[in-house]
Amino acid sequence: MNRLSNCCLLIVDAHEDTRLLLETLFESEGARVQCAATGPDAIQQFALHSPDIVICDIALPQINGYTLLQHIRTHDMLFQQRTRVIAVTAWIGDSGSNSTLIGGFDAWLMKPIYLDDLMTQVVRFTTHNRVRHSYHKLQRLIQTRCWVTFSSITRLFCNA
């Protein structure tokens, strides 16, 4: 099984070569990938596909990555979910990492991107999302007073 099966990613970068490279990388691991070149395109793709993870350059045409993040977080609040957003940028140095994380991004990577680091981050978020989804599913079962056995709990988390 591919590491990213059942994961939907949105890649937002103004550079076509970067989008194509990341799209190929993540699709080879089983992810469904959408791409956008601008902030407005990303907002539209986000609304259409509700991705699990967004990989976003900070320096985007028309709407920058911080403004895009605000749109994503507003959507998350309305639908009671948490989309993981990874900032990819050449803007920040040692002091910038704190402002990026404080700004609401879940992680950040400096350009040039090391693909192994990016893949590790995406896999970590994907695994976390699967476990969280299984936990919420278990909570719903318990709340509805369904009969929950140890084997059903084990299946729930092992298939996550």
C-alpha atoms as a PDB file:
ATOM      1  CA  MET A   1       0.000   0.000   0.000  1.00  0.00           C
ATOM      2  CA  ASN A   2       1.261   3.487  -0.830  1.00  0.00           C
ATOM      3  CA  ARG A   3       2.106   5.768   2.083  1.00  0.00           C
ATOM      4  CA  LEU A   4      -0.303   8.481   0.951  1.00  0.00           C
ATOM      5  CA  SER A   5      -3.289   6.514  -0.300  1.00  0.00           C
ATOM      6  CA  ASN A   6      -6.578   8.253   0.549  1.00  0.00           C
ATOM      7  CA  CYS A   7      -4.737  11.553   1.068  1.00  0.00           C
ATOM      8  CA  CYS A   8      -5.661  14.664  -0.887  1.00  0.00           C
ATOM      9  CA  LEU A   9      -3.004  17.358  -1.314  1.00  0.00           C
ATOM     10  CA  LEU A  10      -3.148  20.870  -2.695  1.00  0.00           C
ATOM     11  CA  ILE A  11       0.161  22.238  -3.976  1.00  0.00           C
ATOM     12  CA  VAL A  12       0.280  26.012  -4.353  1.00  0.00           C
ATOM     13  CA  ASP A  13       3.328  27.484  -6.067  1.00  0.00           C
ATOM     14  CA  ALA A  14       3.773  30.069  -8.809  1.00  0.00           C
ATOM     15  CA  HIS A  15       6.492  27.993 -10.489  1.00  0.00           C
ATOM     16  CA  GLU A  16       5.158  25.321 -12.828  1.00  0.00           C
ATOM     17  CA  ASP A  17       8.311  23.180 -12.487  1.00  0.00           C
ATOM     18  CA  THR A  18       7.870  23.013  -8.707  1.00  0.00           C
ATOM     19  CA  ARG A  19       4.201  22.101  -8.996  1.00  0.00           C
ATOM     20  CA  LEU A  20       4.933  19.373 -11.529  1.00  0.00           C
ATOM     21  CA  LEU A  21       7.792  17.920  -9.463  1.00  0.00           C
ATOM     22  CA  LEU A  22       5.739  17.796  -6.255  1.00  0.00           C
ATOM     23  CA  GLU A  23       2.656  16.504  -8.056  1.00  0.00           C
ATOM     24  CA  THR A  24       4.684  13.623  -9.543  1.00  0.00           C
ATOM     25  CA  LEU A  25       6.349  12.853  -6.205  1.00  0.00           C
ATOM     26  CA  PHE A  26       3.131  12.682  -4.196  1.00  0.00           C
ATOM     27  CA  GLU A  27       1.084  10.899  -6.859  1.00  0.00           C
ATOM     28  CA  SER A  28       3.771   8.190  -6.969  1.00  0.00           C
ATOM     29  CA  GLU A  29       2.991   7.589  -3.274  1.00  0.00           C
ATOM     30  CA  GLY A  30      -0.745   7.289  -3.932  1.00  0.00           C
ATOM     31  CA  ALA A  31      -1.963  10.801  -3.088  1.00  0.00           C
ATOM     32  CA  ARG A  32      -4.632  12.660  -5.027  1.00  0.00           C
ATOM     33  CA  VAL A  33      -3.001  15.954  -5.966  1.00  0.00           C
ATOM     34  CA  GLN A  34      -4.463  19.275  -7.046  1.00  0.00           C
ATOM     35  CA  CYS A  35      -2.291  22.219  -8.045  1.00  0.00           C
ATOM     36  CA  ALA A  36      -2.716  25.980  -8.128  1.00  0.00           C
ATOM     37  CA  ALA A  37      -0.430  28.775  -9.331  1.00  0.00           C
ATOM     38  CA  THR A  38      -2.057  31.730  -7.556  1.00  0.00           C
ATOM     39  CA  GLY A  39      -3.860  32.447  -4.317  1.00  0.00           C
ATOM     40  CA  PRO A  40      -7.305  32.832  -5.944  1.00  0.00           C
ATOM     41  CA  ASP A  41      -6.806  29.545  -7.854  1.00  0.00           C
ATOM     42  CA  ALA A  42      -5.828  27.873  -4.582  1.00  0.00           C
ATOM     43  CA  ILE A  43      -8.965  29.134  -2.824  1.00  0.00           C
ATOM     44  CA  GLN A  44     -11.077  27.704  -5.635  1.00  0.00           C
ATOM     45  CA  GLN A  45      -9.237  24.340  -5.607  1.00  0.00           C
ATOM     46  CA  PHE A  46      -9.490  24.195  -1.815  1.00  0.00           C
ATOM     47  CA  ALA A  47     -13.254  24.732  -1.942  1.00  0.00           C
ATOM     48  CA  LEU A  48     -13.691  22.064  -4.627  1.00  0.00           C
ATOM     49  CA  HIS A  49     -11.486  19.333  -3.169  1.00  0.00           C
ATOM     50  CA  SER A  50     -11.178  19.919   0.616  1.00  0.00           C
ATOM     51  CA  PRO A  51      -7.585  18.678   0.764  1.00  0.00           C
ATOM     52  CA  ASP A  52      -6.107  17.084   3.877  1.00  0.00           C
ATOM     53  CA  ILE A  53      -2.815  18.938   3.452  1.00  0.00           C
ATOM     54  CA  VAL A  54      -1.861  22.144   1.644  1.00  0.00           C
ATOM     55  CA  ILE A  55       1.736  22.802   0.605  1.00  0.00           C
ATOM     56  CA  CYS A  56       1.941  26.523   0.009  1.00  0.00           C
ATOM     57  CA  ASP A  57       4.604  28.970  -1.087  1.00  0.00           C
ATOM     58  CA  ILE A  58       4.424  32.222   0.864  1.00  0.00           C
ATOM     59  CA  ALA A  59       5.256  34.451  -2.120  1.00  0.00           C
ATOM     60  CA  LEU A  60       2.270  33.961  -4.413  1.00  0.00           C
ATOM     61  CA  PRO A  61       0.861  36.283  -7.049  1.00  0.00           C
ATOM     62  CA  GLN A  62      -2.312  38.226  -6.192  1.00  0.00           C
ATOM     63  CA  ILE A  63      -2.847  36.711  -2.708  1.00  0.00           C
ATOM     64  CA  ASN A  64       0.141  35.687  -0.577  1.00  0.00           C
ATOM     65  CA  GLY A  65       0.420  32.507   1.482  1.00  0.00           C
ATOM     66  CA  TYR A  66      -0.598  34.216   4.737  1.00  0.00           C
ATOM     67  CA  THR A  67      -3.866  35.466   3.217  1.00  0.00           C
ATOM     68  CA  LEU A  68      -4.532  32.037   1.725  1.00  0.00           C
ATOM     69  CA  LEU A  69      -3.947  30.528   5.163  1.00  0.00           C
ATOM     70  CA  GLN A  70      -6.563  32.878   6.650  1.00  0.00           C
ATOM     71  CA  HIS A  71      -9.102  31.607   4.097  1.00  0.00           C
ATOM     72  CA  ILE A  72      -8.235  28.001   4.976  1.00  0.00           C
ATOM     73  CA  ARG A  73      -8.523  28.584   8.735  1.00  0.00           C
ATOM     74  CA  THR A  74     -11.883  30.337   8.296  1.00  0.00           C
ATOM     75  CA  HIS A  75     -13.126  27.342   6.304  1.00  0.00           C
ATOM     76  CA  ASP A  76     -11.751  24.997   8.987  1.00  0.00           C
ATOM     77  CA  MET A  77     -13.640  26.857  11.722  1.00  0.00           C
ATOM     78  CA  LEU A  78     -16.902  26.713   9.785  1.00  0.00           C
ATOM     79  CA  PHE A  79     -16.603  22.984   9.126  1.00  0.00           C
ATOM     80  CA  GLN A  80     -14.929  22.039  12.437  1.00  0.00           C
ATOM     81  CA  GLN A  81     -11.862  20.504  10.858  1.00  0.00           C
ATOM     82  CA  ARG A  82      -8.129  21.106  10.750  1.00  0.00           C
ATOM     83  CA  THR A  83      -6.326  21.242   7.426  1.00  0.00           C
ATOM     84  CA  ARG A  84      -2.575  20.897   7.764  1.00  0.00           C
ATOM     85  CA  VAL A  85      -0.735  23.677   5.952  1.00  0.00           C
ATOM     86  CA  ILE A  86       2.980  23.515   5.199  1.00  0.00           C
ATOM     87  CA  ALA A  87       4.694  26.769   4.236  1.00  0.00           C
ATOM     88  CA  VAL A  88       7.468  26.522   1.668  1.00  0.00           C
ATOM     89  CA  THR A  89       9.450  29.697   1.248  1.00  0.00           C
ATOM     90  CA  ALA A  90      12.772  31.382   0.675  1.00  0.00           C
ATOM     91  CA  TRP A  91      11.718  34.368   2.809  1.00  0.00           C
ATOM     92  CA  ILE A  92      12.457  33.182   6.301  1.00  0.00           C
ATOM     93  CA  GLY A  93      15.650  32.665   8.207  1.00  0.00           C
ATOM     94  CA  ASP A  94      16.174  31.608  11.796  1.00  0.00           C
ATOM     95  CA  SER A  95      13.892  34.300  13.201  1.00  0.00           C
ATOM     96  CA  GLY A  96      11.230  33.775  10.553  1.00  0.00           C
ATOM     97  CA  SER A  97      10.391  30.215  11.557  1.00  0.00           C
ATOM     98  CA  ASN A  98       8.625  31.409  14.688  1.00  0.00           C
ATOM     99  CA  SER A  99       6.536  33.967  12.809  1.00  0.00           C
ATOM    100  CA  THR A 100       5.531  31.332  10.254  1.00  0.00           C
ATOM    101  CA  LEU A 101       4.374  28.890  12.925  1.00  0.00           C
ATOM    102  CA  ILE A 102       2.736  31.654  14.949  1.00  0.00           C
ATOM    103  CA  GLY A 103       1.057  32.789  11.739  1.00  0.00           C
ATOM    104  CA  GLY A 104      -0.905  29.540  11.771  1.00  0.00           C
ATOM    105  CA  PHE A 105       1.155  27.262   9.540  1.00  0.00           C
ATOM    106  CA  ASP A 106       1.615  23.731  10.854  1.00  0.00           C
ATOM    107  CA  ALA A 107       5.157  23.456   9.471  1.00  0.00           C
ATOM    108  CA  TRP A 108       7.562  25.293   7.210  1.00  0.00           C
ATOM    109  CA  LEU A 109      10.411  24.359   4.918  1.00  0.00           C
ATOM    110  CA  MET A 110      13.049  26.576   3.378  1.00  0.00           C
ATOM    111  CA  LYS A 111      13.754  26.623  -0.334  1.00  0.00           C
ATOM    112  CA  PRO A 112      15.495  24.833  -1.872  1.00  0.00           C
ATOM    113  CA  ILE A 113      13.213  22.038  -0.696  1.00  0.00           C
ATOM    114  CA  TYR A 114      14.701  18.725   0.373  1.00  0.00           C
ATOM    115  CA  LEU A 115      12.103  16.303  -0.941  1.00  0.00           C
ATOM    116  CA  ASP A 116      12.782  13.739   1.797  1.00  0.00           C
ATOM    117  CA  ASP A 117      12.035  16.362   4.480  1.00  0.00           C
ATOM    118  CA  LEU A 118       8.812  17.383   2.755  1.00  0.00           C
ATOM    119  CA  MET A 119       7.709  13.764   2.283  1.00  0.00           C
ATOM    120  CA  THR A 120       8.441  13.009   5.950  1.00  0.00           C
ATOM    121  CA  GLN A 121       6.308  15.957   7.037  1.00  0.00           C
ATOM    122  CA  VAL A 122       3.397  14.998   4.767  1.00  0.00           C
ATOM    123  CA  VAL A 123       3.498  11.340   5.873  1.00  0.00           C
ATOM    124  CA  ARG A 124       3.565  12.450   9.524  1.00  0.00           C
ATOM    125  CA  PHE A 125       0.482  14.644   9.038  1.00  0.00           C
ATOM    126  CA  THR A 126      -1.297  11.928   7.041  1.00  0.00           C
ATOM    127  CA  THR A 127      -0.685   9.338   9.754  1.00  0.00           C
ATOM    128  CA  HIS A 128      -1.880  11.772  12.419  1.00  0.00           C
ATOM    129  CA  ASN A 129      -5.057  12.504  10.421  1.00  0.00           C
ATOM    130  CA  ARG A 130      -5.828   8.789  10.021  1.00  0.00           C
ATOM    131  CA  VAL A 131      -5.407   8.100  13.736  1.00  0.00           C
ATOM    132  CA  ARG A 132      -7.518  11.161  14.616  1.00  0.00           C
ATOM    133  CA  HIS A 133     -10.238  10.043  12.173  1.00  0.00           C
ATOM    134  CA  SER A 134     -10.283   6.551  13.736  1.00  0.00           C
ATOM    135  CA  TYR A 135     -10.463   8.061  17.226  1.00  0.00           C
ATOM    136  CA  HIS A 136     -13.451  10.251  16.268  1.00  0.00           C
ATOM    137  CA  LYS A 137     -15.142   7.279  14.617  1.00  0.00           C
ATOM    138  CA  LEU A 138     -14.686   5.295  17.842  1.00  0.00           C
ATOM    139  CA  GLN A 139     -16.114   8.199  19.865  1.00  0.00           C
ATOM    140  CA  ARG A 140     -19.207   8.248  17.650  1.00  0.00           C
ATOM    141  CA  LEU A 141     -19.662   4.491  18.118  1.00  0.00           C
ATOM    142  CA  ILE A 142     -19.447   4.844  21.885  1.00  0.00           C
ATOM    143  CA  GLN A 143     -21.801   7.842  21.933  1.00  0.00           C
ATOM    144  CA  THR A 144     -24.407   5.887  19.997  1.00  0.00           C
ATOM    145  CA  ARG A 145     -23.936   3.015  22.454  1.00  0.00           C
ATOM    146  CA  CYS A 146     -22.985   0.571  19.760  1.00  0.00           C
ATOM    147  CA  TRP A 147     -21.401  -2.643  20.949  1.00  0.00           C
ATOM    148  CA  VAL A 148     -17.661  -2.047  20.745  1.00  0.00           C
ATOM    149  CA  THR A 149     -15.333  -5.027  21.130  1.00  0.00           C
ATOM    150  CA  PHE A 150     -11.593  -5.077  21.485  1.00  0.00           C
ATOM    151  CA  SER A 151     -11.256  -6.627  18.019  1.00  0.00           C
ATOM    152  CA  SER A 152     -13.355  -3.845  16.441  1.00  0.00           C
ATOM    153  CA  ILE A 153     -11.186  -1.208  18.131  1.00  0.00           C
ATOM    154  CA  THR A 154      -8.050  -2.984  16.941  1.00  0.00           C
ATOM    155  CA  ARG A 155      -9.377  -3.144  13.352  1.00  0.00           C
ATOM    156  CA  LEU A 156     -10.323   0.525  13.485  1.00  0.00           C
ATOM    157  CA  PHE A 157      -6.822   1.681  14.440  1.00  0.00           C
ATOM    158  CA  CYS A 158      -4.868  -0.899  12.433  1.00  0.00           C
ATOM    159  CA  ASN A 159      -6.659   0.131   9.247  1.00  0.00           C
ATOM    160  CA  ALA A 160      -5.951   3.816   9.944  1.00  0.00           C
END
